[in-house]
Protein backbone atom coordinates (compact mmCIF):
# COMPACT_ATOMS: atom_id res chain seq x y z
CA UNK A 1 -14.94 0.30 -15.81
CA UNK A 2 -14.21 2.82 -13.38
CA UNK A 3 -11.41 2.49 -10.83
CA UNK A 4 -9.79 -0.80 -9.97
CA UNK A 5 -6.86 -2.04 -8.35
CA UNK A 6 -4.80 -5.21 -7.51
CA UNK A 7 -1.68 -5.96 -5.44
CA UNK A 8 1.15 -7.44 -7.38
CA UNK A 9 2.53 -8.81 -3.97
CA UNK A 10 2.89 -7.40 -0.64
CA UNK A 11 4.87 -8.52 2.40
CA UNK A 12 8.55 -7.82 3.67
CA UNK A 13 9.95 -9.39 0.29
CA UNK A 14 8.30 -6.69 -1.73
CA UNK A 15 5.17 -4.52 -2.03
CA UNK A 16 3.42 -3.05 -5.01
CA UNK A 17 -0.15 -1.84 -5.87
CA UNK A 18 -1.39 -1.41 -9.37
CA UNK A 19 -4.22 1.26 -9.46
CA UNK A 20 -6.00 1.82 -13.10
CA UNK A 21 -8.59 4.43 -13.71
CA UNK A 22 -10.62 3.91 -16.63
CA UNK A 23 -11.27 6.72 -19.26
CA UNK A 24 -10.69 7.37 -23.06
CA UNK A 25 -7.20 5.78 -22.32
CA UNK A 26 -6.45 3.95 -19.00
CA UNK A 27 -4.08 5.50 -16.47
CA UNK A 28 -2.06 3.23 -14.70
CA UNK A 29 -0.27 4.12 -11.21
CA UNK A 30 2.14 2.03 -9.41
CA UNK A 31 1.79 2.54 -5.74
CA UNK A 32 5.52 1.23 -4.39
CA UNK A 33 7.87 -0.70 -6.49
CA UNK A 34 9.34 -3.19 -3.96
CA UNK A 35 10.03 -5.76 -6.52
CA UNK A 36 13.23 -6.39 -8.73
CA UNK A 37 12.92 -5.70 -12.53
CA UNK A 38 12.51 -9.19 -13.53
CA UNK A 39 9.73 -10.03 -10.71
CA UNK A 40 7.90 -6.60 -11.25
CA UNK A 41 7.52 -7.36 -15.27
CA UNK A 42 6.59 -10.93 -14.41
CA UNK A 43 3.92 -9.90 -12.18
CA UNK A 44 2.58 -7.02 -14.95
CA UNK A 45 2.66 -9.71 -17.47
CA UNK A 46 -0.11 -11.71 -15.39
CA UNK A 47 -2.21 -8.50 -15.86
CA UNK A 48 -1.23 -8.55 -19.93
CA UNK A 49 0.58 -5.43 -19.16
CA UNK A 50 4.35 -4.29 -19.45
CA UNK A 51 6.43 -2.19 -17.16
CA UNK A 52 6.04 0.70 -20.20
CA UNK A 53 2.29 0.63 -19.51
CA UNK A 54 2.85 2.23 -16.08
CA UNK A 55 2.06 6.21 -16.49
CA UNK A 56 3.14 7.19 -12.83
CA UNK A 57 4.90 5.68 -9.69
CA UNK A 58 3.95 6.98 -5.89
CA UNK A 59 6.55 5.63 -3.53
CA UNK A 60 5.41 5.59 0.14
CA UNK A 61 8.81 5.59 2.04
CA UNK A 62 12.42 4.55 1.59
CA UNK A 63 12.45 1.16 2.76
CA UNK A 64 13.76 -1.33 0.34
CA UNK A 65 10.44 -3.60 0.04
CA UNK A 66 8.78 -0.28 -1.40
CA UNK A 67 11.48 1.35 -3.27
CA UNK A 68 12.83 -1.70 -5.18
CA UNK A 69 13.56 -1.12 -8.79
CA UNK A 70 11.85 2.49 -8.94
CA UNK A 71 14.92 4.23 -10.39
CA UNK A 72 15.83 1.97 -12.89
CA UNK A 73 12.10 1.59 -14.23
CA UNK A 74 11.53 5.21 -14.05
CA UNK A 75 14.57 6.08 -16.25
CA UNK A 76 14.30 3.08 -18.46
CA UNK A 77 10.96 3.96 -19.48
CA UNK A 78 10.38 7.60 -18.72
CA UNK A 79 8.03 7.26 -16.09
CA UNK A 80 7.48 10.11 -13.45
CA UNK A 81 7.92 9.51 -9.77
CA UNK A 82 6.19 11.08 -6.82
CA UNK A 83 7.93 10.78 -3.45
CA UNK A 84 8.43 13.11 -0.24
CA UNK A 85 11.54 15.23 -0.05
CA UNK A 86 12.21 12.94 3.24
CA UNK A 87 12.02 9.64 1.25
CA UNK A 88 14.13 11.05 -1.42
CA UNK A 89 16.72 12.29 1.00
CA UNK A 90 16.79 9.05 2.71
CA UNK A 91 17.17 7.19 -0.36
CA UNK A 92 20.66 9.20 -0.69
CA UNK A 93 18.96 11.85 -3.20
CA UNK A 94 19.44 9.49 -6.41
CA UNK A 95 19.15 11.58 -9.68
CA UNK A 96 15.99 10.66 -11.39
CA UNK A 97 16.81 13.23 -14.44
CA UNK A 98 13.87 15.43 -14.08
CA UNK A 99 11.19 12.62 -13.54
CA UNK A 100 11.14 13.09 -9.73
CA UNK A 101 8.10 15.04 -8.21
CA UNK A 102 7.63 16.26 -4.50
CA UNK A 103 4.87 14.85 -2.72
CA UNK A 104 3.62 16.14 0.50
CA UNK A 105 0.95 15.78 3.54
CA UNK A 106 -2.53 16.92 2.19
CA UNK A 107 -1.25 18.21 -1.29
CA UNK A 108 -3.36 16.69 -3.82
CA UNK A 109 -1.71 15.19 -7.10
CA UNK A 110 -3.74 15.63 -10.26
CA UNK A 111 -2.68 13.29 -12.80
CA UNK A 112 -5.80 13.73 -15.01
CA UNK A 113 -8.22 10.86 -14.63
CA UNK A 114 -6.96 10.15 -11.18
CA UNK A 115 -6.12 12.39 -8.31
CA UNK A 116 -3.81 11.28 -5.45
CA UNK A 117 -4.14 12.87 -1.73
CA UNK A 118 -1.10 11.78 0.37
CA UNK A 119 -0.88 11.72 3.98
CA UNK A 120 1.40 11.53 6.76
CA UNK A 121 1.72 8.30 8.75
CA UNK A 122 3.47 7.18 11.97
CA UNK A 123 6.08 4.97 10.77
CA UNK A 124 9.92 4.63 11.25
CA UNK A 125 10.91 6.39 7.98
CA UNK A 126 12.15 9.71 7.39
CA UNK A 127 8.85 11.32 5.84
CA UNK A 128 6.52 8.47 5.03
CA UNK A 129 3.19 9.09 3.22
CA UNK A 130 0.09 6.70 2.39
CA UNK A 131 -2.51 7.91 0.13
CA UNK A 132 -5.93 7.68 -1.18
CA UNK A 133 -6.64 7.76 -4.97
CA UNK A 134 -10.01 8.95 -6.67
CA UNK A 135 -11.29 9.22 -10.03
CA UNK A 136 -14.25 11.45 -8.94
CA UNK A 137 -16.79 8.68 -8.40
CA UNK A 138 -14.79 5.88 -6.39
CA UNK A 139 -12.18 6.27 -3.48
CA UNK A 140 -9.18 3.81 -2.57
CA UNK A 141 -7.49 3.84 0.34
CA UNK A 142 -4.12 2.28 0.53
CA UNK A 143 -2.26 2.05 4.14
CA UNK A 144 0.44 -0.56 3.98
CA UNK A 145 2.95 0.89 6.77
CA UNK A 146 1.53 2.40 9.87
CA UNK A 147 2.65 2.26 13.42
CA UNK A 148 -0.63 3.11 14.86
CA UNK A 149 -3.94 5.00 13.70
CA UNK A 150 -4.04 8.70 14.31
CA UNK A 151 -6.98 11.00 13.87
CA UNK A 152 -5.64 12.37 10.72
CA UNK A 153 -5.03 9.16 9.18
CA UNK A 154 -8.50 8.13 10.09
CA UNK A 155 -9.82 11.41 8.56
CA UNK A 156 -8.21 10.42 5.16
CA UNK A 157 -9.55 7.21 5.01
CA UNK A 158 -13.29 7.73 5.57
CA UNK A 159 -15.61 7.26 2.80
CA UNK A 160 -13.20 4.86 0.95
CA UNK A 161 -15.17 2.25 -1.29
CA UNK A 162 -12.12 -0.05 -1.17
CA UNK A 163 -9.39 -0.17 1.55
CA UNK A 164 -6.08 -2.00 1.47
CA UNK A 165 -4.99 -2.08 4.87
CA UNK A 166 -2.04 -3.49 6.54
CA UNK A 167 -2.41 -6.44 8.90
CA UNK A 168 1.25 -7.16 9.73
CA UNK A 169 1.40 -9.35 12.63
CA UNK A 170 -0.56 -11.13 15.03
CA UNK A 171 0.62 -10.17 18.84
CA UNK A 172 1.04 -13.50 20.30
CA UNK A 173 3.13 -15.00 17.30
CA UNK A 174 5.21 -11.94 17.49
CA UNK A 175 5.78 -12.12 21.20
CA UNK A 176 6.57 -16.02 20.58
CA UNK A 177 8.75 -15.31 17.74
CA UNK A 178 12.73 -15.66 17.40
CA UNK A 179 12.86 -12.03 16.66
CA UNK A 180 15.32 -10.38 19.04
CA UNK A 181 13.74 -8.12 21.79
CA UNK A 182 14.42 -4.65 19.87
CA UNK A 183 12.77 -6.03 16.68
CA UNK A 184 9.71 -6.98 18.36
CA UNK A 185 9.60 -3.68 20.23
CA UNK A 186 10.27 -1.96 16.62
CA UNK A 187 7.52 -4.10 14.74
CA UNK A 188 5.02 -3.80 17.63
CA UNK A 189 5.61 -0.13 18.57
CA UNK A 190 3.84 3.03 17.67
CA UNK A 191 6.14 3.57 14.71
CA UNK A 192 6.38 0.12 13.58
CA UNK A 193 3.53 -1.99 11.88
CA UNK A 194 -0.15 -2.63 12.41
CA UNK A 195 -1.07 -5.75 14.42
CA UNK A 196 -4.35 -7.75 13.42
CA UNK A 197 -6.17 -6.52 16.24
CA UNK A 198 -5.27 -2.84 15.50
CA UNK A 199 -6.23 -3.24 12.07
CA UNK A 200 -9.57 -4.89 12.94
CA UNK A 201 -10.14 -1.91 15.28
CA UNK A 202 -9.17 0.45 12.30
CA UNK A 203 -11.63 -1.44 9.94
CA UNK A 204 -14.43 -1.47 12.21
CA UNK A 205 -14.27 2.50 12.67
CA UNK A 206 -13.76 2.94 8.83
CA UNK A 207 -16.70 0.72 7.76
CA UNK A 208 -19.80 2.04 5.99
CA UNK A 209 -22.27 0.81 3.33
CA UNK A 210 -20.39 1.81 0.55
CA UNK A 211 -17.12 0.08 1.45
CA UNK A 212 -17.12 -2.84 -1.10
CA UNK A 213 -13.69 -4.53 -0.54
CA UNK A 214 -11.32 -4.74 2.51
CA UNK A 215 -7.83 -6.31 1.59
CA UNK A 216 -5.40 -7.39 4.29
CA UNK A 217 -1.94 -6.39 3.31
CA UNK A 218 1.72 -6.59 4.41
CA UNK A 219 1.48 -9.97 6.36
CA UNK A 220 4.59 -11.21 8.08
CA UNK A 221 5.65 -14.40 6.92
CA UNK A 222 6.98 -15.29 10.45
CA UNK A 223 4.42 -13.73 12.72
CA UNK A 224 1.00 -13.74 11.00
CA UNK A 225 -1.18 -16.28 8.96
CA UNK A 226 -3.97 -15.62 6.50
CA UNK A 227 -6.59 -17.42 8.56
CA UNK A 228 -5.71 -15.42 11.90
CA UNK A 229 -5.89 -12.34 9.76
CA UNK A 230 -9.35 -13.31 8.24
CA UNK A 231 -10.80 -14.37 11.56
CA UNK A 232 -9.59 -10.99 13.24
CA UNK A 233 -11.11 -8.83 10.60
CA UNK A 234 -14.50 -10.92 10.08
CA UNK A 235 -15.08 -10.77 13.77
CA UNK A 236 -14.73 -6.95 13.93
CA UNK A 237 -16.82 -6.42 10.86
CA UNK A 238 -19.36 -9.27 11.50
CA UNK A 239 -19.02 -10.84 8.04
CA UNK A 240 -17.87 -14.17 6.80
CA UNK A 241 -13.94 -14.86 6.73
CA UNK A 242 -14.50 -15.66 3.00
CA UNK A 243 -15.37 -11.94 2.43
CA UNK A 244 -11.73 -10.69 3.54
CA UNK A 245 -9.38 -10.47 0.94
CA UNK A 246 -5.53 -11.21 1.78
CA UNK A 247 -2.64 -9.95 -0.61
CA UNK A 248 -0.16 -12.79 -0.87
CA UNK A 249 3.77 -11.99 -0.91
CA UNK A 250 3.70 -13.40 -4.33
CA UNK A 251 0.15 -13.70 -5.57
CA UNK A 252 -1.00 -10.48 -4.53
CA UNK A 253 -4.53 -10.17 -5.64
CA UNK A 254 -7.13 -10.25 -8.44
CA UNK A 255 -8.41 -7.26 -10.13
CA UNK A 256 -10.76 -5.52 -7.53
CA UNK A 257 -13.26 -2.95 -8.46
CA UNK A 258 -13.17 0.23 -6.04
């Protein structure tokens, strides 16, 4: 089966992505844990899994919709957790009872059948990291929170066979929204979140024959719609809008092969 993944939910109410590398024994990584314990268990159960089936957790940054119940999960089931030192500090330096490992930009993490390569991104957090994952044959890129694309970010995402990419907002809807001006500037700024147009530009630059799946993620409930996302990405890539998978805030995505 190789490398596969599914979003358990993506949006301001919580983000979690399950990555599975198939081997003699499947290895399961949870990227972000921005759900409560009960919701995480319910959504894992939809894949016939339980929290104790998770082998490792990677936390991208300290915002609540990405951290969620990670400490409870780790301590209850003795699951190792990786995050940057800045993220841990921004969380208030909670005690993980020896389960915490430091992640850093460009420093590979070898998890046996799965290798992670974190990379720094521009976002309004202490030391945010996003990452690519590979089982040696397929490569998955995960990029859920990003103010703008930098050459460093793009270099880490070339040659991905699957890409989960933030499409947070439609610029027109954001500008017309009831958000206060400071929040509009934050969301649309260089350390905020990707617009549909910016994500489409990134996707176009990262497109190659080996890219099998593009998943749109972290949609704003107030300032975006799945149809706008599909239109922006399909127009940029010259594909059918039905080819674009959109991760729902509650439904996530089905399993997808990288």
